[in-house]
Amino acid sequence: MELPQVGKLLMGIGCGLVLFGFFLWVGGKSSLWGDLPGDIRVEKGSLTFYFPIVTCLLLSFLVSFILWVLSKFE
């Protein structure tokens, strides 16, 4: 791997970490993060089952989009 490619890789990882940190920071304050319509929550007595399917799909789309954008810079 040549030096300019390593620089691009490090910049991409750094930008990704900044975006990830931003989403965690903003998501921690938002009441919608992890509680989107379509997320599955079942509560029966003392048992609670929660599966955030829509949140997982949204995060998967965002990560895929970021990786697609980064692949265009090569």
PDB file of N, CA and C in Angstrom:
ATOM      1  N   MET A   1       0.850  -1.166   0.000  1.00  0.00           N
ATOM      2  CA  MET A   1       0.000   0.000   0.000  1.00  0.00           C
ATOM      3  C   MET A   1       0.902   1.237   0.000  1.00  0.00           C
ATOM      4  N   GLU A   2       0.614   2.156  -0.878  1.00  0.00           N
ATOM      5  CA  GLU A   2       1.421   3.369  -0.981  1.00  0.00           C
ATOM      6  C   GLU A   2       1.010   4.381   0.092  1.00  0.00           C
ATOM      7  N   LEU A   3       1.884   5.315   0.357  1.00  0.00           N
ATOM      8  CA  LEU A   3       1.664   6.297   1.414  1.00  0.00           C
ATOM      9  C   LEU A   3       0.396   7.142   1.213  1.00  0.00           C
ATOM     10  N   PRO A   4       0.091   7.623  -0.002  1.00  0.00           N
ATOM     11  CA  PRO A   4      -1.161   8.394  -0.165  1.00  0.00           C
ATOM     12  C   PRO A   4      -2.407   7.557   0.135  1.00  0.00           C
ATOM     13  N   GLN A   5      -2.373   6.270  -0.187  1.00  0.00           N
ATOM     14  CA  GLN A   5      -3.523   5.416   0.102  1.00  0.00           C
ATOM     15  C   GLN A   5      -3.695   5.221   1.607  1.00  0.00           C
ATOM     16  N   VAL A   6      -2.574   5.092   2.325  1.00  0.00           N
ATOM     17  CA  VAL A   6      -2.639   4.968   3.781  1.00  0.00           C
ATOM     18  C   VAL A   6      -3.228   6.249   4.384  1.00  0.00           C
ATOM     19  N   GLY A   7      -2.836   7.394   3.840  1.00  0.00           N
ATOM     20  CA  GLY A   7      -3.386   8.669   4.314  1.00  0.00           C
ATOM     21  C   GLY A   7      -4.881   8.747   4.105  1.00  0.00           C
ATOM     22  N   LYS A   8      -5.349   8.328   2.929  1.00  0.00           N
ATOM     23  CA  LYS A   8      -6.790   8.331   2.653  1.00  0.00           C
ATOM     24  C   LYS A   8      -7.521   7.386   3.598  1.00  0.00           C
ATOM     25  N   LEU A   9      -6.924   6.218   3.843  1.00  0.00           N
ATOM     26  CA  LEU A   9      -7.540   5.250   4.736  1.00  0.00           C
ATOM     27  C   LEU A   9      -7.661   5.816   6.152  1.00  0.00           C
ATOM     28  N   LEU A  10      -6.596   6.420   6.631  1.00  0.00           N
ATOM     29  CA  LEU A  10      -6.626   7.006   7.976  1.00  0.00           C
ATOM     30  C   LEU A  10      -7.628   8.155   8.071  1.00  0.00           C
ATOM     31  N   MET A  11      -7.713   8.975   7.020  1.00  0.00           N
ATOM     32  CA  MET A  11      -8.700  10.066   7.011  1.00  0.00           C
ATOM     33  C   MET A  11     -10.122   9.502   7.022  1.00  0.00           C
ATOM     34  N   GLY A  12     -10.360   8.458   6.250  1.00  0.00           N
ATOM     35  CA  GLY A  12     -11.678   7.832   6.222  1.00  0.00           C
ATOM     36  C   GLY A  12     -12.057   7.241   7.566  1.00  0.00           C
ATOM     37  N   ILE A  13     -11.098   6.562   8.210  1.00  0.00           N
ATOM     38  CA  ILE A  13     -11.369   5.990   9.526  1.00  0.00           C
ATOM     39  C   ILE A  13     -11.638   7.101  10.536  1.00  0.00           C
ATOM     40  N   GLY A  14     -10.861   8.173  10.464  1.00  0.00           N
ATOM     41  CA  GLY A  14     -11.060   9.299  11.377  1.00  0.00           C
ATOM     42  C   GLY A  14     -12.417   9.951  11.187  1.00  0.00           C
ATOM     43  N   CYS A  15     -12.810  10.171   9.938  1.00  0.00           N
ATOM     44  CA  CYS A  15     -14.133  10.765   9.669  1.00  0.00           C
ATOM     45  C   CYS A  15     -15.243   9.838  10.136  1.00  0.00           C
ATOM     46  N   GLY A  16     -15.052   8.543   9.930  1.00  0.00           N
ATOM     47  CA  GLY A  16     -16.041   7.576  10.388  1.00  0.00           C
ATOM     48  C   GLY A  16     -16.194   7.592  11.902  1.00  0.00           C
ATOM     49  N   LEU A  17     -15.062   7.695  12.606  1.00  0.00           N
ATOM     50  CA  LEU A  17     -15.127   7.750  14.065  1.00  0.00           C
ATOM     51  C   LEU A  17     -15.794   9.035  14.549  1.00  0.00           C
ATOM     52  N   VAL A  18     -15.524  10.139  13.866  1.00  0.00           N
ATOM     53  CA  VAL A  18     -16.167  11.406  14.232  1.00  0.00           C
ATOM     54  C   VAL A  18     -17.680  11.301  14.024  1.00  0.00           C
ATOM     55  N   LEU A  19     -18.106  10.745  12.894  1.00  0.00           N
ATOM     56  CA  LEU A  19     -19.539  10.585  12.631  1.00  0.00           C
ATOM     57  C   LEU A  19     -20.181   9.643  13.643  1.00  0.00           C
ATOM     58  N   PHE A  20     -19.494   8.551  13.949  1.00  0.00           N
ATOM     59  CA  PHE A  20     -20.017   7.596  14.917  1.00  0.00           C
ATOM     60  C   PHE A  20     -20.166   8.254  16.290  1.00  0.00           C
ATOM     61  N   GLY A  21     -19.160   9.012  16.697  1.00  0.00           N
ATOM     62  CA  GLY A  21     -19.231   9.734  17.966  1.00  0.00           C
ATOM     63  C   GLY A  21     -20.352  10.749  17.987  1.00  0.00           C
ATOM     64  N   PHE A  22     -20.541  11.441  16.857  1.00  0.00           N
ATOM     65  CA  PHE A  22     -21.624  12.424  16.764  1.00  0.00           C
ATOM     66  C   PHE A  22     -22.989  11.751  16.911  1.00  0.00           C
ATOM     67  N   PHE A  23     -23.162  10.607  16.225  1.00  0.00           N
ATOM     68  CA  PHE A  23     -24.444   9.905  16.330  1.00  0.00           C
ATOM     69  C   PHE A  23     -24.689   9.389  17.744  1.00  0.00           C
ATOM     70  N   LEU A  24     -23.631   8.939  18.420  1.00  0.00           N
ATOM     71  CA  LEU A  24     -23.802   8.504  19.807  1.00  0.00           C
ATOM     72  C   LEU A  24     -24.142   9.684  20.714  1.00  0.00           C
ATOM     73  N   TRP A  25     -23.491  10.807  20.478  1.00  0.00           N
ATOM     74  CA  TRP A  25     -23.723  11.997  21.292  1.00  0.00           C
ATOM     75  C   TRP A  25     -25.145  12.514  21.102  1.00  0.00           C
ATOM     76  N   VAL A  26     -25.563  12.686  19.853  1.00  0.00           N
ATOM     77  CA  VAL A  26     -26.903  13.187  19.559  1.00  0.00           C
ATOM     78  C   VAL A  26     -27.954  12.133  19.893  1.00  0.00           C
ATOM     79  N   GLY A  27     -27.631  10.871  19.600  1.00  0.00           N
ATOM     80  CA  GLY A  27     -28.582   9.793  19.853  1.00  0.00           C
ATOM     81  C   GLY A  27     -28.873   9.592  21.323  1.00  0.00           C
ATOM     82  N   GLY A  28     -27.904   9.874  22.183  1.00  0.00           N
ATOM     83  CA  GLY A  28     -28.128   9.738  23.614  1.00  0.00           C
ATOM     84  C   GLY A  28     -29.111  10.762  24.152  1.00  0.00           C
ATOM     85  N   LYS A  29     -29.230  11.895  23.481  1.00  0.00           N
ATOM     86  CA  LYS A  29     -30.143  12.955  23.916  1.00  0.00           C
ATOM     87  C   LYS A  29     -31.520  12.830  23.283  1.00  0.00           C
ATOM     88  N   SER A  30     -31.600  12.087  22.188  1.00  0.00           N
ATOM     89  CA  SER A  30     -32.850  11.979  21.446  1.00  0.00           C
ATOM     90  C   SER A  30     -33.704  10.845  22.008  1.00  0.00           C
ATOM     91  N   SER A  31     -34.992  11.087  22.114  1.00  0.00           N
ATOM     92  CA  SER A  31     -35.893  10.035  22.578  1.00  0.00           C
ATOM     93  C   SER A  31     -36.259   9.081  21.443  1.00  0.00           C
ATOM     94  N   LEU A  32     -35.959   9.444  20.196  1.00  0.00           N
ATOM     95  CA  LEU A  32     -36.288   8.585  19.064  1.00  0.00           C
ATOM     96  C   LEU A  32     -35.231   7.527  18.798  1.00  0.00           C
ATOM     97  N   TRP A  33     -33.995   7.773  19.244  1.00  0.00           N
ATOM     98  CA  TRP A  33     -32.908   6.840  18.953  1.00  0.00           C
ATOM     99  C   TRP A  33     -33.158   5.521  19.680  1.00  0.00           C
ATOM    100  N   GLY A  34     -33.316   4.440  18.926  1.00  0.00           N
ATOM    101  CA  GLY A  34     -33.566   3.141  19.523  1.00  0.00           C
ATOM    102  C   GLY A  34     -35.021   2.909  19.861  1.00  0.00           C
ATOM    103  N   ASP A  35     -35.880   3.844  19.548  1.00  0.00           N
ATOM    104  CA  ASP A  35     -37.307   3.698  19.824  1.00  0.00           C
ATOM    105  C   ASP A  35     -38.106   4.172  18.617  1.00  0.00           C
ATOM    106  N   LEU A  36     -37.683   3.733  17.450  1.00  0.00           N
ATOM    107  CA  LEU A  36     -38.345   4.135  16.214  1.00  0.00           C
ATOM    108  C   LEU A  36     -39.608   3.312  15.983  1.00  0.00           C
ATOM    109  N   PRO A  37     -40.558   3.840  15.207  1.00  0.00           N
ATOM    110  CA  PRO A  37     -41.734   3.039  14.859  1.00  0.00           C
ATOM    111  C   PRO A  37     -41.285   1.799  14.075  1.00  0.00           C
ATOM    112  N   GLY A  38     -41.767   0.661  14.457  1.00  0.00           N
ATOM    113  CA  GLY A  38     -41.377  -0.590  13.816  1.00  0.00           C
ATOM    114  C   GLY A  38     -40.437  -1.419  14.673  1.00  0.00           C
ATOM    115  N   ASP A  39     -39.826  -0.798  15.690  1.00  0.00           N
ATOM    116  CA  ASP A  39     -39.014  -1.563  16.631  1.00  0.00           C
ATOM    117  C   ASP A  39     -39.947  -2.438  17.458  1.00  0.00           C
ATOM    118  N   ILE A  40     -39.516  -3.658  17.737  1.00  0.00           N
ATOM    119  CA  ILE A  40     -40.371  -4.623  18.414  1.00  0.00           C
ATOM    120  C   ILE A  40     -40.102  -4.578  19.912  1.00  0.00           C
ATOM    121  N   ARG A  41     -41.162  -4.388  20.685  1.00  0.00           N
ATOM    122  CA  ARG A  41     -41.060  -4.399  22.148  1.00  0.00           C
ATOM    123  C   ARG A  41     -42.231  -5.216  22.691  1.00  0.00           C
ATOM    124  N   VAL A  42     -41.898  -6.264  23.436  1.00  0.00           N
ATOM    125  CA  VAL A  42     -42.912  -7.113  24.056  1.00  0.00           C
ATOM    126  C   VAL A  42     -42.663  -7.108  25.552  1.00  0.00           C
ATOM    127  N   GLU A  43     -43.669  -6.723  26.316  1.00  0.00           N
ATOM    128  CA  GLU A  43     -43.572  -6.694  27.773  1.00  0.00           C
ATOM    129  C   GLU A  43     -44.678  -7.564  28.354  1.00  0.00           C
ATOM    130  N   LYS A  44     -44.277  -8.624  29.052  1.00  0.00           N
ATOM    131  CA  LYS A  44     -45.243  -9.515  29.718  1.00  0.00           C
ATOM    132  C   LYS A  44     -44.749  -9.774  31.127  1.00  0.00           C
ATOM    133  N   GLY A  45     -45.403  -9.181  32.069  1.00  0.00           N
ATOM    134  CA  GLY A  45     -45.000  -9.344  33.464  1.00  0.00           C
ATOM    135  C   GLY A  45     -43.621  -8.755  33.696  1.00  0.00           C
ATOM    136  N   SER A  46     -42.720  -9.587  34.199  1.00  0.00           N
ATOM    137  CA  SER A  46     -41.363  -9.120  34.476  1.00  0.00           C
ATOM    138  C   SER A  46     -40.427  -9.358  33.298  1.00  0.00           C
ATOM    139  N   LEU A  47     -40.939  -9.920  32.210  1.00  0.00           N
ATOM    140  CA  LEU A  47     -40.130 -10.207  31.029  1.00  0.00           C
ATOM    141  C   LEU A  47     -40.308  -9.098  29.990  1.00  0.00           C
ATOM    142  N   THR A  48     -39.194  -8.565  29.508  1.00  0.00           N
ATOM    143  CA  THR A  48     -39.230  -7.548  28.462  1.00  0.00           C
ATOM    144  C   THR A  48     -38.313  -7.989  27.329  1.00  0.00           C
ATOM    145  N   PHE A  49     -38.859  -8.034  26.116  1.00  0.00           N
ATOM    146  CA  PHE A  49     -38.077  -8.373  24.935  1.00  0.00           C
ATOM    147  C   PHE A  49     -38.107  -7.159  24.012  1.00  0.00           C
ATOM    148  N   TYR A  50     -36.929  -6.736  23.581  1.00  0.00           N
ATOM    149  CA  TYR A  50     -36.829  -5.569  22.717  1.00  0.00           C
ATOM    150  C   TYR A  50     -35.903  -5.896  21.562  1.00  0.00           C
ATOM    151  N   PHE A  51     -36.386  -5.723  20.330  1.00  0.00           N
ATOM    152  CA  PHE A  51     -35.561  -5.933  19.150  1.00  0.00           C
ATOM    153  C   PHE A  51     -35.719  -4.709  18.245  1.00  0.00           C
ATOM    154  N   PRO A  52     -34.684  -3.874  18.150  1.00  0.00           N
ATOM    155  CA  PRO A  52     -34.780  -2.631  17.373  1.00  0.00           C
ATOM    156  C   PRO A  52     -34.524  -2.858  15.883  1.00  0.00           C
ATOM    157  N   ILE A  53     -35.451  -3.509  15.199  1.00  0.00           N
ATOM    158  CA  ILE A  53     -35.242  -3.875  13.797  1.00  0.00           C
ATOM    159  C   ILE A  53     -35.115  -2.652  12.887  1.00  0.00           C
ATOM    160  N   VAL A  54     -35.946  -1.647  13.075  1.00  0.00           N
ATOM    161  CA  VAL A  54     -35.890  -0.452  12.227  1.00  0.00           C
ATOM    162  C   VAL A  54     -34.612   0.335  12.514  1.00  0.00           C
ATOM    163  N   THR A  55     -34.214   0.392  13.768  1.00  0.00           N
ATOM    164  CA  THR A  55     -32.961   1.065  14.116  1.00  0.00           C
ATOM    165  C   THR A  55     -31.782   0.340  13.478  1.00  0.00           C
ATOM    166  N   CYS A  56     -31.799  -0.990  13.499  1.00  0.00           N
ATOM    167  CA  CYS A  56     -30.729  -1.771  12.865  1.00  0.00           C
ATOM    168  C   CYS A  56     -30.693  -1.522  11.360  1.00  0.00           C
ATOM    169  N   LEU A  57     -31.844  -1.477  10.730  1.00  0.00           N
ATOM    170  CA  LEU A  57     -31.897  -1.220   9.290  1.00  0.00           C
ATOM    171  C   LEU A  57     -31.379   0.176   8.948  1.00  0.00           C
ATOM    172  N   LEU A  58     -31.752   1.156   9.765  1.00  0.00           N
ATOM    173  CA  LEU A  58     -31.293   2.522   9.544  1.00  0.00           C
ATOM    174  C   LEU A  58     -29.778   2.624   9.706  1.00  0.00           C
ATOM    175  N   LEU A  59     -29.230   2.023  10.741  1.00  0.00           N
ATOM    176  CA  LEU A  59     -27.782   2.034  10.942  1.00  0.00           C
ATOM    177  C   LEU A  59     -27.059   1.294   9.820  1.00  0.00           C
ATOM    178  N   SER A  60     -27.625   0.187   9.367  1.00  0.00           N
ATOM    179  CA  SER A  60     -27.032  -0.558   8.262  1.00  0.00           C
ATOM    180  C   SER A  60     -26.996   0.293   6.996  1.00  0.00           C
ATOM    181  N   PHE A  61     -28.077   1.024   6.733  1.00  0.00           N
ATOM    182  CA  PHE A  61     -28.114   1.907   5.567  1.00  0.00           C
ATOM    183  C   PHE A  61     -27.066   3.003   5.679  1.00  0.00           C
ATOM    184  N   LEU A  62     -26.950   3.603   6.859  1.00  0.00           N
ATOM    185  CA  LEU A  62     -25.971   4.678   7.048  1.00  0.00           C
ATOM    186  C   LEU A  62     -24.538   4.178   6.878  1.00  0.00           C
ATOM    187  N   VAL A  63     -24.223   3.038   7.455  1.00  0.00           N
ATOM    188  CA  VAL A  63     -22.872   2.484   7.325  1.00  0.00           C
ATOM    189  C   VAL A  63     -22.586   2.113   5.876  1.00  0.00           C
ATOM    190  N   SER A  64     -23.555   1.502   5.204  1.00  0.00           N
ATOM    191  CA  SER A  64     -23.376   1.145   3.790  1.00  0.00           C
ATOM    192  C   SER A  64     -23.163   2.389   2.938  1.00  0.00           C
ATOM    193  N   PHE A  65     -23.921   3.446   3.211  1.00  0.00           N
ATOM    194  CA  PHE A  65     -23.772   4.686   2.454  1.00  0.00           C
ATOM    195  C   PHE A  65     -22.397   5.311   2.682  1.00  0.00           C
ATOM    196  N   ILE A  66     -21.954   5.328   3.922  1.00  0.00           N
ATOM    197  CA  ILE A  66     -20.633   5.894   4.232  1.00  0.00           C
ATOM    198  C   ILE A  66     -19.540   5.091   3.538  1.00  0.00           C
ATOM    199  N   LEU A  67     -19.635   3.771   3.578  1.00  0.00           N
ATOM    200  CA  LEU A  67     -18.632   2.946   2.903  1.00  0.00           C
ATOM    201  C   LEU A  67     -18.682   3.130   1.390  1.00  0.00           C
ATOM    202  N   TRP A  68     -19.872   3.317   0.842  1.00  0.00           N
ATOM    203  CA  TRP A  68     -19.990   3.555  -0.596  1.00  0.00           C
ATOM    204  C   TRP A  68     -19.335   4.879  -0.981  1.00  0.00           C
ATOM    205  N   VAL A  69     -19.572   5.909  -0.184  1.00  0.00           N
ATOM    206  CA  VAL A  69     -18.949   7.212  -0.443  1.00  0.00           C
ATOM    207  C   VAL A  69     -17.434   7.099  -0.349  1.00  0.00           C
ATOM    208  N   LEU A  70     -16.937   6.394   0.664  1.00  0.00           N
ATOM    209  CA  LEU A  70     -15.495   6.232   0.805  1.00  0.00           C
ATOM    210  C   LEU A  70     -14.885   5.446  -0.345  1.00  0.00           C
ATOM    211  N   SER A  71     -15.640   4.492  -0.898  1.00  0.00           N
ATOM    212  CA  SER A  71     -15.115   3.707  -2.020  1.00  0.00           C
ATOM    213  C   SER A  71     -15.008   4.542  -3.298  1.00  0.00           C
ATOM    214  N   LYS A  72     -15.767   5.623  -3.383  1.00  0.00           N
ATOM    215  CA  LYS A  72     -15.690   6.491  -4.561  1.00  0.00           C
ATOM    216  C   LYS A  72     -14.433   7.332  -4.573  1.00  0.00           C
ATOM    217  N   PHE A  73     -13.744   7.477  -3.439  1.00  0.00           N
ATOM    218  CA  PHE A  73     -12.523   8.283  -3.364  1.00  0.00           C
ATOM    219  C   PHE A  73     -11.277   7.517  -3.767  1.00  0.00           C
ATOM    220  N   GLU A  74     -11.382   6.222  -4.006  1.00  0.00           N
ATOM    221  CA  GLU A  74     -10.199   5.439  -4.379  1.00  0.00           C
ATOM    222  C   GLU A  74      -9.881   5.568  -5.840  1.00  0.00           C
TER     223      GLU A  74
END
